[in-house]
N, C-alpha and C. Protein backbone atom coordinates (compact mmCIF):
# COMPACT_ATOMS: atom_id res chain seq x y z
N MET A 1 27.95 -54.27 -133.82
CA MET A 1 27.79 -55.55 -134.49
C MET A 1 26.57 -55.49 -135.42
N ASP A 2 26.71 -56.08 -136.58
CA ASP A 2 25.63 -56.15 -137.55
C ASP A 2 24.42 -56.86 -136.91
N PRO A 3 23.18 -56.36 -137.15
CA PRO A 3 21.99 -56.97 -136.54
C PRO A 3 21.83 -58.46 -136.86
N HIS A 4 22.21 -58.87 -138.07
CA HIS A 4 22.10 -60.29 -138.42
C HIS A 4 23.11 -61.12 -137.63
N GLU A 5 24.31 -60.57 -137.45
CA GLU A 5 25.33 -61.26 -136.65
C GLU A 5 24.89 -61.35 -135.20
N ARG A 6 24.31 -60.28 -134.66
CA ARG A 6 23.85 -60.27 -133.27
C ARG A 6 22.74 -61.30 -133.09
N ARG A 7 21.82 -61.33 -134.03
CA ARG A 7 20.71 -62.30 -133.96
C ARG A 7 21.27 -63.74 -133.96
N ARG A 8 22.25 -63.99 -134.83
CA ARG A 8 22.88 -65.31 -134.89
C ARG A 8 23.56 -65.64 -133.57
N GLN A 9 24.24 -64.64 -133.01
CA GLN A 9 24.92 -64.83 -131.74
C GLN A 9 23.92 -65.17 -130.63
N ILE A 10 22.80 -64.48 -130.61
CA ILE A 10 21.77 -64.76 -129.61
C ILE A 10 21.27 -66.19 -129.76
N LEU A 11 21.00 -66.61 -130.98
CA LEU A 11 20.52 -67.97 -131.21
C LEU A 11 21.55 -69.01 -130.79
N ASP A 12 22.79 -68.80 -131.18
CA ASP A 12 23.84 -69.77 -130.86
C ASP A 12 24.08 -69.89 -129.36
N ARG A 13 24.17 -68.74 -128.68
CA ARG A 13 24.42 -68.78 -127.23
C ARG A 13 23.21 -69.32 -126.48
N SER A 14 22.02 -68.98 -126.95
CA SER A 14 20.80 -69.50 -126.33
C SER A 14 20.74 -71.00 -126.46
N ALA A 15 21.08 -71.51 -127.63
CA ALA A 15 21.06 -72.96 -127.86
C ALA A 15 21.99 -73.66 -126.88
N GLN A 16 23.16 -73.08 -126.66
CA GLN A 16 24.11 -73.67 -125.72
C GLN A 16 23.54 -73.67 -124.30
N LEU A 17 22.97 -72.54 -123.90
CA LEU A 17 22.40 -72.45 -122.56
C LEU A 17 21.21 -73.41 -122.39
N PHE A 18 20.31 -73.44 -123.37
CA PHE A 18 19.14 -74.31 -123.29
C PHE A 18 19.58 -75.78 -123.22
N ALA A 19 20.59 -76.12 -124.00
CA ALA A 19 21.06 -77.51 -124.03
C ALA A 19 21.71 -77.90 -122.70
N THR A 20 22.38 -76.95 -122.09
CA THR A 20 23.08 -77.23 -120.82
C THR A 20 22.15 -77.17 -119.61
N LYS A 21 21.36 -76.11 -119.52
CA LYS A 21 20.54 -75.87 -118.32
C LYS A 21 19.10 -76.28 -118.47
N GLY A 22 18.62 -76.36 -119.70
CA GLY A 22 17.20 -76.56 -119.93
C GLY A 22 16.56 -75.21 -120.24
N ILE A 23 15.45 -75.26 -120.94
CA ILE A 23 14.78 -74.02 -121.35
C ILE A 23 14.21 -73.28 -120.15
N ALA A 24 13.48 -73.99 -119.30
CA ALA A 24 12.82 -73.34 -118.17
C ALA A 24 13.83 -72.69 -117.22
N ALA A 25 14.99 -73.31 -117.03
CA ALA A 25 15.98 -72.79 -116.08
C ALA A 25 16.82 -71.66 -116.66
N THR A 26 16.75 -71.44 -117.95
CA THR A 26 17.52 -70.37 -118.58
C THR A 26 16.71 -69.08 -118.60
N THR A 27 17.33 -68.00 -118.17
CA THR A 27 16.63 -66.71 -118.14
C THR A 27 17.10 -65.81 -119.28
N ILE A 28 16.28 -64.85 -119.58
CA ILE A 28 16.65 -63.84 -120.59
C ILE A 28 17.91 -63.11 -120.15
N ARG A 29 18.01 -62.85 -118.85
CA ARG A 29 19.20 -62.17 -118.33
C ARG A 29 20.47 -62.98 -118.62
N GLU A 30 20.40 -64.30 -118.44
CA GLU A 30 21.57 -65.14 -118.70
C GLU A 30 21.94 -65.11 -120.19
N ILE A 31 20.93 -65.14 -121.03
CA ILE A 31 21.19 -65.06 -122.47
C ILE A 31 21.85 -63.72 -122.79
N ALA A 32 21.32 -62.65 -122.25
CA ALA A 32 21.88 -61.32 -122.48
C ALA A 32 23.33 -61.25 -122.00
N ASP A 33 23.59 -61.81 -120.81
CA ASP A 33 24.96 -61.81 -120.29
C ASP A 33 25.91 -62.56 -121.23
N GLU A 34 25.45 -63.69 -121.74
CA GLU A 34 26.27 -64.49 -122.66
C GLU A 34 26.59 -63.72 -123.95
N VAL A 35 25.64 -62.92 -124.39
CA VAL A 35 25.80 -62.17 -125.63
C VAL A 35 26.51 -60.84 -125.37
N GLY A 36 26.49 -60.38 -124.12
CA GLY A 36 27.14 -59.12 -123.79
C GLY A 36 26.29 -57.89 -124.06
N VAL A 37 24.98 -58.03 -123.82
CA VAL A 37 24.06 -56.89 -123.98
C VAL A 37 23.14 -56.83 -122.75
N TYR A 38 22.41 -55.73 -122.64
CA TYR A 38 21.41 -55.63 -121.59
C TYR A 38 20.21 -56.50 -121.96
N SER A 39 19.51 -56.99 -120.93
CA SER A 39 18.36 -57.86 -121.17
C SER A 39 17.35 -57.24 -122.12
N GLY A 40 17.08 -55.96 -121.94
CA GLY A 40 16.10 -55.29 -122.79
C GLY A 40 16.48 -55.27 -124.26
N ALA A 41 17.78 -55.30 -124.53
CA ALA A 41 18.24 -55.28 -125.92
C ALA A 41 17.85 -56.55 -126.67
N LEU A 42 17.71 -57.65 -125.95
CA LEU A 42 17.32 -58.91 -126.61
C LEU A 42 15.94 -58.79 -127.26
N TYR A 43 15.08 -57.99 -126.65
CA TYR A 43 13.72 -57.87 -127.15
C TYR A 43 13.65 -57.13 -128.50
N HIS A 44 14.74 -56.51 -128.89
CA HIS A 44 14.80 -55.90 -130.23
C HIS A 44 14.94 -56.99 -131.30
N TYR A 45 15.40 -58.17 -130.87
CA TYR A 45 15.65 -59.27 -131.80
C TYR A 45 14.60 -60.37 -131.69
N PHE A 46 14.16 -60.64 -130.46
CA PHE A 46 13.17 -61.69 -130.22
C PHE A 46 12.20 -61.21 -129.13
N PRO A 47 10.90 -61.38 -129.33
CA PRO A 47 9.94 -60.87 -128.35
C PRO A 47 9.90 -61.67 -127.05
N SER A 48 10.45 -62.90 -127.06
CA SER A 48 10.40 -63.73 -125.85
C SER A 48 11.41 -64.86 -125.95
N LYS A 49 11.59 -65.54 -124.84
CA LYS A 49 12.46 -66.72 -124.83
C LYS A 49 11.87 -67.80 -125.73
N GLU A 50 10.55 -67.95 -125.72
CA GLU A 50 9.88 -68.94 -126.57
C GLU A 50 10.13 -68.66 -128.04
N ALA A 51 10.21 -67.38 -128.40
CA ALA A 51 10.49 -67.01 -129.80
C ALA A 51 11.90 -67.45 -130.20
N ILE A 52 12.83 -67.39 -129.27
CA ILE A 52 14.19 -67.86 -129.55
C ILE A 52 14.16 -69.37 -129.78
N VAL A 53 13.47 -70.09 -128.90
CA VAL A 53 13.35 -71.55 -129.04
C VAL A 53 12.70 -71.89 -130.38
N THR A 54 11.63 -71.19 -130.71
CA THR A 54 10.92 -71.46 -131.97
C THR A 54 11.83 -71.23 -133.17
N GLU A 55 12.63 -70.19 -133.13
CA GLU A 55 13.52 -69.92 -134.25
C GLU A 55 14.60 -70.99 -134.37
N LEU A 56 15.12 -71.45 -133.24
CA LEU A 56 16.10 -72.54 -133.28
C LEU A 56 15.51 -73.79 -133.93
N ILE A 57 14.28 -74.11 -133.55
CA ILE A 57 13.62 -75.29 -134.11
C ILE A 57 13.25 -75.07 -135.57
N ARG A 58 12.83 -73.85 -135.92
CA ARG A 58 12.49 -73.56 -137.31
C ARG A 58 13.70 -73.82 -138.21
N GLU A 59 14.85 -73.29 -137.83
CA GLU A 59 16.06 -73.49 -138.63
C GLU A 59 16.35 -74.98 -138.81
N TYR A 60 16.29 -75.70 -137.71
CA TYR A 60 16.59 -77.14 -137.71
C TYR A 60 15.62 -77.90 -138.60
N ILE A 61 14.33 -77.69 -138.40
CA ILE A 61 13.30 -78.42 -139.13
C ILE A 61 13.29 -78.06 -140.61
N GLU A 62 13.42 -76.79 -140.92
CA GLU A 62 13.39 -76.40 -142.33
C GLU A 62 14.58 -76.95 -143.09
N ASP A 63 15.75 -76.96 -142.48
CA ASP A 63 16.93 -77.52 -143.13
C ASP A 63 16.78 -79.03 -143.28
N LEU A 64 16.37 -79.69 -142.22
CA LEU A 64 16.17 -81.14 -142.25
C LEU A 64 15.16 -81.53 -143.34
N SER A 65 14.05 -80.83 -143.39
CA SER A 65 13.01 -81.15 -144.37
C SER A 65 13.47 -80.89 -145.80
N ALA A 66 14.17 -79.79 -146.02
CA ALA A 66 14.66 -79.49 -147.37
C ALA A 66 15.63 -80.56 -147.85
N ARG A 67 16.52 -80.99 -146.98
CA ARG A 67 17.47 -82.04 -147.34
C ARG A 67 16.76 -83.38 -147.53
N CYS A 68 15.72 -83.61 -146.76
CA CYS A 68 14.93 -84.82 -146.91
C CYS A 68 14.25 -84.85 -148.28
N ARG A 69 13.71 -83.72 -148.69
CA ARG A 69 13.07 -83.65 -150.01
C ARG A 69 14.07 -83.92 -151.13
N GLU A 70 15.33 -83.48 -150.94
CA GLU A 70 16.37 -83.79 -151.94
C GLU A 70 16.57 -85.30 -152.04
N ILE A 71 16.56 -85.97 -150.91
CA ILE A 71 16.74 -87.43 -150.90
C ILE A 71 15.57 -88.12 -151.59
N THR A 72 14.36 -87.75 -151.22
CA THR A 72 13.18 -88.42 -151.79
C THR A 72 13.01 -88.11 -153.27
N SER A 73 13.52 -86.98 -153.73
CA SER A 73 13.40 -86.65 -155.16
C SER A 73 14.31 -87.52 -156.02
N ARG A 74 15.29 -88.17 -155.40
CA ARG A 74 16.23 -89.01 -156.16
C ARG A 74 15.68 -90.41 -156.44
N THR A 75 14.55 -90.74 -155.87
CA THR A 75 13.92 -92.07 -156.04
C THR A 75 14.93 -93.21 -155.89
N LEU A 76 15.65 -93.19 -154.79
CA LEU A 76 16.60 -94.25 -154.46
C LEU A 76 15.84 -95.52 -154.06
N PRO A 77 16.45 -96.69 -154.26
CA PRO A 77 15.85 -97.92 -153.73
C PRO A 77 15.74 -97.83 -152.21
N PRO A 78 14.85 -98.60 -151.59
CA PRO A 78 14.58 -98.46 -150.14
C PRO A 78 15.81 -98.51 -149.23
N VAL A 79 16.72 -99.46 -149.45
CA VAL A 79 17.87 -99.56 -148.55
C VAL A 79 18.77 -98.33 -148.68
N GLU A 80 19.04 -97.91 -149.90
CA GLU A 80 19.87 -96.72 -150.11
C GLU A 80 19.19 -95.47 -149.57
N ARG A 81 17.88 -95.41 -149.69
CA ARG A 81 17.14 -94.25 -149.17
C ARG A 81 17.22 -94.23 -147.65
N ILE A 82 17.09 -95.39 -147.01
CA ILE A 82 17.19 -95.44 -145.55
C ILE A 82 18.59 -95.00 -145.11
N GLU A 83 19.62 -95.48 -145.79
CA GLU A 83 20.98 -95.05 -145.43
C GLU A 83 21.14 -93.54 -145.60
N ALA A 84 20.58 -92.99 -146.67
CA ALA A 84 20.65 -91.53 -146.88
C ALA A 84 19.90 -90.79 -145.78
N LEU A 85 18.76 -91.33 -145.34
CA LEU A 85 18.00 -90.69 -144.26
C LEU A 85 18.75 -90.78 -142.93
N VAL A 86 19.43 -91.91 -142.69
CA VAL A 86 20.25 -92.04 -141.48
C VAL A 86 21.35 -90.99 -141.50
N LEU A 87 22.05 -90.89 -142.63
CA LEU A 87 23.13 -89.90 -142.74
C LEU A 87 22.60 -88.49 -142.58
N LEU A 88 21.46 -88.21 -143.18
CA LEU A 88 20.83 -86.90 -143.02
C LEU A 88 20.58 -86.59 -141.55
N ALA A 89 20.01 -87.53 -140.83
CA ALA A 89 19.71 -87.31 -139.41
C ALA A 89 20.98 -87.08 -138.61
N LEU A 90 22.02 -87.86 -138.87
CA LEU A 90 23.28 -87.70 -138.14
C LEU A 90 23.93 -86.35 -138.44
N THR A 91 23.95 -85.99 -139.72
CA THR A 91 24.57 -84.73 -140.13
C THR A 91 23.80 -83.53 -139.58
N THR A 92 22.48 -83.59 -139.65
CA THR A 92 21.68 -82.48 -139.15
C THR A 92 21.85 -82.35 -137.64
N SER A 93 21.91 -83.48 -136.95
CA SER A 93 22.14 -83.43 -135.49
C SER A 93 23.48 -82.80 -135.17
N GLU A 94 24.48 -83.08 -135.98
CA GLU A 94 25.80 -82.49 -135.78
C GLU A 94 25.77 -80.99 -136.06
N ASN A 95 25.11 -80.60 -137.15
CA ASN A 95 25.04 -79.19 -137.52
C ASN A 95 24.20 -78.36 -136.57
N TYR A 96 23.25 -78.99 -135.92
CA TYR A 96 22.34 -78.30 -135.00
C TYR A 96 22.38 -78.98 -133.63
N ARG A 97 23.58 -79.11 -133.11
CA ARG A 97 23.77 -79.84 -131.85
C ARG A 97 22.91 -79.28 -130.72
N GLY A 98 22.84 -77.96 -130.61
CA GLY A 98 22.04 -77.35 -129.55
C GLY A 98 20.57 -77.69 -129.70
N ALA A 99 20.03 -77.52 -130.89
CA ALA A 99 18.61 -77.83 -131.12
C ALA A 99 18.33 -79.32 -130.89
N THR A 100 19.26 -80.17 -131.32
CA THR A 100 19.08 -81.61 -131.12
C THR A 100 19.06 -81.96 -129.64
N THR A 101 19.99 -81.40 -128.89
CA THR A 101 20.05 -81.67 -127.45
C THR A 101 18.79 -81.17 -126.75
N ILE A 102 18.36 -79.98 -127.12
CA ILE A 102 17.14 -79.42 -126.52
C ILE A 102 15.96 -80.35 -126.82
N TRP A 103 15.87 -80.77 -128.07
CA TRP A 103 14.75 -81.63 -128.47
C TRP A 103 14.78 -82.96 -127.71
N GLN A 104 15.96 -83.54 -127.55
CA GLN A 104 16.07 -84.80 -126.82
C GLN A 104 15.66 -84.65 -125.36
N ARG A 105 15.99 -83.51 -124.77
CA ARG A 105 15.67 -83.28 -123.36
C ARG A 105 14.24 -82.83 -123.15
N GLU A 106 13.70 -82.10 -124.10
CA GLU A 106 12.40 -81.45 -123.89
C GLU A 106 11.48 -81.66 -125.09
N GLY A 107 11.35 -82.93 -125.49
CA GLY A 107 10.61 -83.28 -126.69
C GLY A 107 9.17 -82.79 -126.73
N GLU A 108 8.45 -82.95 -125.64
CA GLU A 108 7.05 -82.54 -125.64
C GLU A 108 6.92 -81.02 -125.79
N TYR A 109 7.76 -80.30 -125.09
CA TYR A 109 7.77 -78.84 -125.19
C TYR A 109 8.09 -78.42 -126.63
N MET A 110 9.06 -79.10 -127.23
CA MET A 110 9.47 -78.77 -128.58
C MET A 110 8.36 -79.07 -129.58
N ARG A 111 7.67 -80.16 -129.38
CA ARG A 111 6.55 -80.50 -130.28
C ARG A 111 5.47 -79.41 -130.19
N ASP A 112 5.23 -78.92 -128.99
CA ASP A 112 4.27 -77.82 -128.82
C ASP A 112 4.72 -76.58 -129.59
N ARG A 113 6.02 -76.27 -129.55
CA ARG A 113 6.55 -75.12 -130.29
C ARG A 113 6.36 -75.33 -131.80
N LEU A 114 6.56 -76.56 -132.26
CA LEU A 114 6.35 -76.87 -133.68
C LEU A 114 4.92 -76.57 -134.10
N VAL A 115 3.99 -77.03 -133.29
CA VAL A 115 2.57 -76.83 -133.61
C VAL A 115 2.24 -75.35 -133.61
N GLU A 116 2.68 -74.63 -132.60
CA GLU A 116 2.41 -73.19 -132.51
C GLU A 116 3.01 -72.41 -133.68
N ALA A 117 4.14 -72.88 -134.20
CA ALA A 117 4.82 -72.18 -135.29
C ALA A 117 4.42 -72.71 -136.67
N ASP A 118 3.40 -73.55 -136.70
CA ASP A 118 2.94 -74.17 -137.96
C ASP A 118 4.06 -74.92 -138.67
N LEU A 119 4.90 -75.61 -137.90
CA LEU A 119 6.00 -76.37 -138.48
C LEU A 119 5.77 -77.88 -138.38
N ALA A 120 4.70 -78.31 -137.73
CA ALA A 120 4.47 -79.74 -137.51
C ALA A 120 4.34 -80.49 -138.83
N GLU A 121 3.64 -79.91 -139.79
CA GLU A 121 3.45 -80.58 -141.07
C GLU A 121 4.79 -80.75 -141.80
N ILE A 122 5.63 -79.75 -141.73
CA ILE A 122 6.96 -79.84 -142.35
C ILE A 122 7.77 -80.92 -141.67
N ALA A 123 7.73 -80.96 -140.34
CA ALA A 123 8.47 -81.97 -139.59
C ALA A 123 7.99 -83.38 -139.93
N ASP A 124 6.70 -83.52 -140.18
CA ASP A 124 6.13 -84.83 -140.48
C ASP A 124 6.59 -85.37 -141.84
N GLU A 125 7.10 -84.49 -142.71
CA GLU A 125 7.61 -84.94 -144.02
C GLU A 125 8.75 -85.94 -143.84
N VAL A 126 9.59 -85.71 -142.86
CA VAL A 126 10.73 -86.59 -142.63
C VAL A 126 10.24 -87.96 -142.17
N GLU A 127 9.33 -87.98 -141.24
CA GLU A 127 8.77 -89.25 -140.77
C GLU A 127 8.12 -90.00 -141.93
N LYS A 128 7.41 -89.27 -142.76
CA LYS A 128 6.75 -89.88 -143.92
C LYS A 128 7.78 -90.52 -144.86
N ALA A 129 8.91 -89.84 -145.07
CA ALA A 129 9.96 -90.38 -145.95
C ALA A 129 10.49 -91.70 -145.42
N TRP A 130 10.72 -91.78 -144.11
CA TRP A 130 11.17 -93.02 -143.49
C TRP A 130 10.13 -94.13 -143.69
N ARG A 131 8.89 -93.81 -143.37
CA ARG A 131 7.84 -94.83 -143.44
C ARG A 131 7.62 -95.31 -144.88
N GLU A 132 7.72 -94.41 -145.85
CA GLU A 132 7.54 -94.82 -147.24
C GLU A 132 8.67 -95.74 -147.70
N ALA A 133 9.91 -95.42 -147.32
CA ALA A 133 11.04 -96.28 -147.70
C ALA A 133 10.87 -97.67 -147.10
N ILE A 134 10.45 -97.74 -145.86
CA ILE A 134 10.25 -99.04 -145.19
C ILE A 134 9.10 -99.80 -145.86
N ALA A 135 7.98 -99.11 -146.10
CA ALA A 135 6.83 -99.77 -146.73
C ALA A 135 7.18 -100.30 -148.12
N GLU A 136 7.93 -99.52 -148.90
CA GLU A 136 8.34 -99.98 -150.23
C GLU A 136 9.25 -101.20 -150.14
N GLY A 137 10.09 -101.23 -149.13
CA GLY A 137 10.96 -102.38 -148.93
C GLY A 137 10.18 -103.64 -148.60
N VAL A 138 9.16 -103.49 -147.78
CA VAL A 138 8.31 -104.64 -147.43
C VAL A 138 7.53 -105.10 -148.65
N THR A 139 6.89 -104.17 -149.33
CA THR A 139 6.09 -104.49 -150.52
C THR A 139 6.95 -105.14 -151.61
N GLY A 140 8.18 -104.67 -151.76
CA GLY A 140 9.07 -105.19 -152.80
C GLY A 140 9.78 -106.47 -152.41
N GLY A 141 9.53 -106.98 -151.20
CA GLY A 141 10.18 -108.21 -150.77
C GLY A 141 11.62 -108.04 -150.30
N ILE A 142 12.08 -106.80 -150.21
CA ILE A 142 13.44 -106.53 -149.75
C ILE A 142 13.51 -106.68 -148.23
N PHE A 143 12.41 -106.34 -147.56
CA PHE A 143 12.33 -106.46 -146.11
C PHE A 143 11.31 -107.54 -145.74
N ARG A 144 11.47 -108.07 -144.57
CA ARG A 144 10.57 -109.11 -144.06
C ARG A 144 9.17 -108.56 -143.86
N ASP A 145 8.20 -109.44 -144.04
CA ASP A 145 6.82 -109.03 -143.79
C ASP A 145 6.28 -109.62 -142.49
N ASP A 146 7.15 -110.35 -141.75
CA ASP A 146 6.71 -110.92 -140.47
C ASP A 146 7.16 -110.08 -139.28
N ILE A 147 7.76 -108.92 -139.57
CA ILE A 147 8.13 -107.96 -138.52
C ILE A 147 7.33 -106.70 -138.79
N ASP A 148 6.72 -106.18 -137.76
CA ASP A 148 5.92 -104.97 -137.89
C ASP A 148 6.82 -103.81 -138.36
N PRO A 149 6.51 -103.20 -139.50
CA PRO A 149 7.32 -102.07 -139.98
C PRO A 149 7.40 -100.92 -138.97
N GLU A 150 6.37 -100.78 -138.15
CA GLU A 150 6.39 -99.73 -137.13
C GLU A 150 7.48 -99.99 -136.10
N VAL A 151 7.68 -101.26 -135.74
CA VAL A 151 8.74 -101.62 -134.80
C VAL A 151 10.10 -101.29 -135.41
N PHE A 152 10.29 -101.67 -136.67
CA PHE A 152 11.54 -101.37 -137.36
C PHE A 152 11.79 -99.86 -137.38
N TYR A 153 10.78 -99.10 -137.76
CA TYR A 153 10.92 -97.65 -137.83
C TYR A 153 11.29 -97.05 -136.48
N GLN A 154 10.55 -97.43 -135.44
CA GLN A 154 10.81 -96.85 -134.11
C GLN A 154 12.21 -97.20 -133.61
N LEU A 155 12.65 -98.43 -133.83
CA LEU A 155 13.97 -98.83 -133.34
C LEU A 155 15.10 -98.13 -134.09
N ILE A 156 15.02 -98.08 -135.41
CA ILE A 156 16.11 -97.42 -136.16
C ILE A 156 16.10 -95.92 -135.90
N ARG A 157 14.92 -95.35 -135.80
CA ARG A 157 14.84 -93.91 -135.52
C ARG A 157 15.46 -93.59 -134.17
N ASP A 158 15.13 -94.40 -133.15
CA ASP A 158 15.70 -94.14 -131.83
C ASP A 158 17.21 -94.35 -131.79
N ALA A 159 17.71 -95.36 -132.52
CA ALA A 159 19.16 -95.58 -132.57
C ALA A 159 19.86 -94.38 -133.19
N VAL A 160 19.31 -93.89 -134.28
CA VAL A 160 19.89 -92.73 -134.96
C VAL A 160 19.78 -91.49 -134.08
N TRP A 161 18.64 -91.31 -133.45
CA TRP A 161 18.38 -90.14 -132.60
C TRP A 161 19.34 -90.07 -131.42
N GLN A 162 19.72 -91.25 -130.88
CA GLN A 162 20.60 -91.28 -129.71
C GLN A 162 22.08 -91.24 -130.07
N ALA A 163 22.42 -91.56 -131.31
CA ALA A 163 23.83 -91.65 -131.71
C ALA A 163 24.65 -90.39 -131.43
N PRO A 164 24.10 -89.19 -131.64
CA PRO A 164 24.93 -88.00 -131.36
C PRO A 164 25.34 -87.86 -129.90
N ARG A 165 24.74 -88.60 -129.02
CA ARG A 165 25.15 -88.54 -127.60
C ARG A 165 26.53 -89.17 -127.41
N TRP A 166 26.88 -90.13 -128.24
CA TRP A 166 28.17 -90.80 -128.07
C TRP A 166 29.07 -90.72 -129.31
N HIS A 167 28.53 -90.35 -130.46
CA HIS A 167 29.32 -90.31 -131.69
C HIS A 167 29.68 -88.87 -132.05
N ARG A 168 30.98 -88.66 -132.28
CA ARG A 168 31.46 -87.40 -132.81
C ARG A 168 32.22 -87.74 -134.09
N PRO A 169 31.80 -87.19 -135.23
CA PRO A 169 32.49 -87.54 -136.47
C PRO A 169 33.97 -87.17 -136.41
N SER A 170 34.78 -88.01 -137.01
CA SER A 170 36.22 -87.78 -137.05
C SER A 170 36.75 -88.32 -138.38
N ALA A 171 38.03 -88.11 -138.61
CA ALA A 171 38.65 -88.63 -139.83
C ALA A 171 38.61 -90.16 -139.83
N GLN A 172 38.65 -90.76 -138.64
CA GLN A 172 38.62 -92.22 -138.55
C GLN A 172 37.21 -92.80 -138.65
N ARG A 173 36.21 -92.03 -138.26
CA ARG A 173 34.84 -92.54 -138.25
C ARG A 173 33.88 -91.40 -138.55
N SER A 174 33.49 -91.29 -139.80
CA SER A 174 32.63 -90.20 -140.23
C SER A 174 31.16 -90.52 -139.98
N ASN A 175 30.32 -89.52 -140.17
CA ASN A 175 28.88 -89.76 -140.10
C ASN A 175 28.45 -90.76 -141.17
N ALA A 176 29.07 -90.69 -142.35
CA ALA A 176 28.75 -91.63 -143.43
C ALA A 176 29.09 -93.07 -143.02
N ASP A 177 30.22 -93.25 -142.32
CA ASP A 177 30.59 -94.59 -141.84
C ASP A 177 29.54 -95.11 -140.86
N LEU A 178 29.14 -94.26 -139.93
CA LEU A 178 28.15 -94.67 -138.93
C LEU A 178 26.80 -94.94 -139.60
N ALA A 179 26.41 -94.10 -140.56
CA ALA A 179 25.14 -94.30 -141.26
C ALA A 179 25.13 -95.66 -141.97
N ARG A 180 26.24 -96.00 -142.60
CA ARG A 180 26.35 -97.29 -143.29
C ARG A 180 26.22 -98.45 -142.29
N ASP A 181 26.90 -98.32 -141.15
CA ASP A 181 26.84 -99.40 -140.14
C ASP A 181 25.45 -99.54 -139.54
N ILE A 182 24.83 -98.43 -139.20
CA ILE A 182 23.47 -98.49 -138.63
C ILE A 182 22.52 -99.14 -139.63
N THR A 183 22.63 -98.74 -140.89
CA THR A 183 21.75 -99.30 -141.92
C THR A 183 21.99 -100.80 -142.04
N ARG A 184 23.23 -101.22 -142.09
CA ARG A 184 23.53 -102.65 -142.20
C ARG A 184 22.97 -103.43 -141.02
N ILE A 185 23.20 -102.93 -139.83
CA ILE A 185 22.74 -103.63 -138.62
C ILE A 185 21.23 -103.82 -138.67
N PHE A 186 20.51 -102.76 -138.95
CA PHE A 186 19.05 -102.85 -138.95
C PHE A 186 18.50 -103.56 -140.17
N VAL A 187 18.99 -103.21 -141.34
CA VAL A 187 18.44 -103.78 -142.57
C VAL A 187 18.74 -105.27 -142.66
N ASP A 188 19.94 -105.70 -142.28
CA ASP A 188 20.25 -107.13 -142.38
C ASP A 188 19.30 -107.96 -141.52
N GLY A 189 18.90 -107.44 -140.39
CA GLY A 189 17.93 -108.16 -139.55
C GLY A 189 16.50 -108.07 -140.08
N PHE A 190 16.28 -107.17 -141.04
CA PHE A 190 14.94 -106.97 -141.59
C PHE A 190 14.79 -107.60 -142.97
N ARG A 191 15.87 -108.25 -143.44
CA ARG A 191 15.80 -108.93 -144.73
C ARG A 191 15.10 -110.28 -144.57
N PRO A 192 14.44 -110.74 -145.62
CA PRO A 192 13.79 -112.06 -145.54
C PRO A 192 14.81 -113.16 -145.25
N ARG A 193 14.38 -114.13 -144.50
CA ARG A 193 15.23 -115.27 -144.18
C ARG A 193 15.37 -116.16 -145.42
N THR A 194 16.55 -116.71 -145.56
CA THR A 194 16.76 -117.65 -146.67
C THR A 194 17.00 -119.04 -146.09
N GLY A 195 16.50 -120.02 -146.82
CA GLY A 195 16.70 -121.43 -146.42
C GLY A 195 15.99 -121.77 -145.23
């Protein structure tokens, strides 16, 4: 097998094992068994289990951040930008289901891996994009100023973050459909009251 294909296989199977069993409970031997190689052969591709985790998170964060930069470069109005960020989060979670599940289960451990891999600043770009869209909406009068923007951010972020646990995109209900609904639910409650 081509070394790049083998490396991809190790990452994919590791993500499945980590998501199912947890990182601490997964052994190098189990990963090797899943890939069909001896345990020692894994070390030709990754120096440790932590290196596998770091690479899974690197792929996820770098893709998420790059797509986020595409959204922010379009200078969309705040509501449209929030909907685009919701869709981005849903799509990235779908594309990186293993990494998303690992992160949801082991957030503190994952944040430590981000810091060790010098990825924390890149990851913070996404949070910044959300906060800027919300702040612009408040400043522009599109969103209410009597609700703490931090509360709005935390609630919508958590709703989006949890959605992949119950939502699977289909022909009847795509990620774009869900992104639109989440945005409507949250934004309509964050619009200024009339009358």
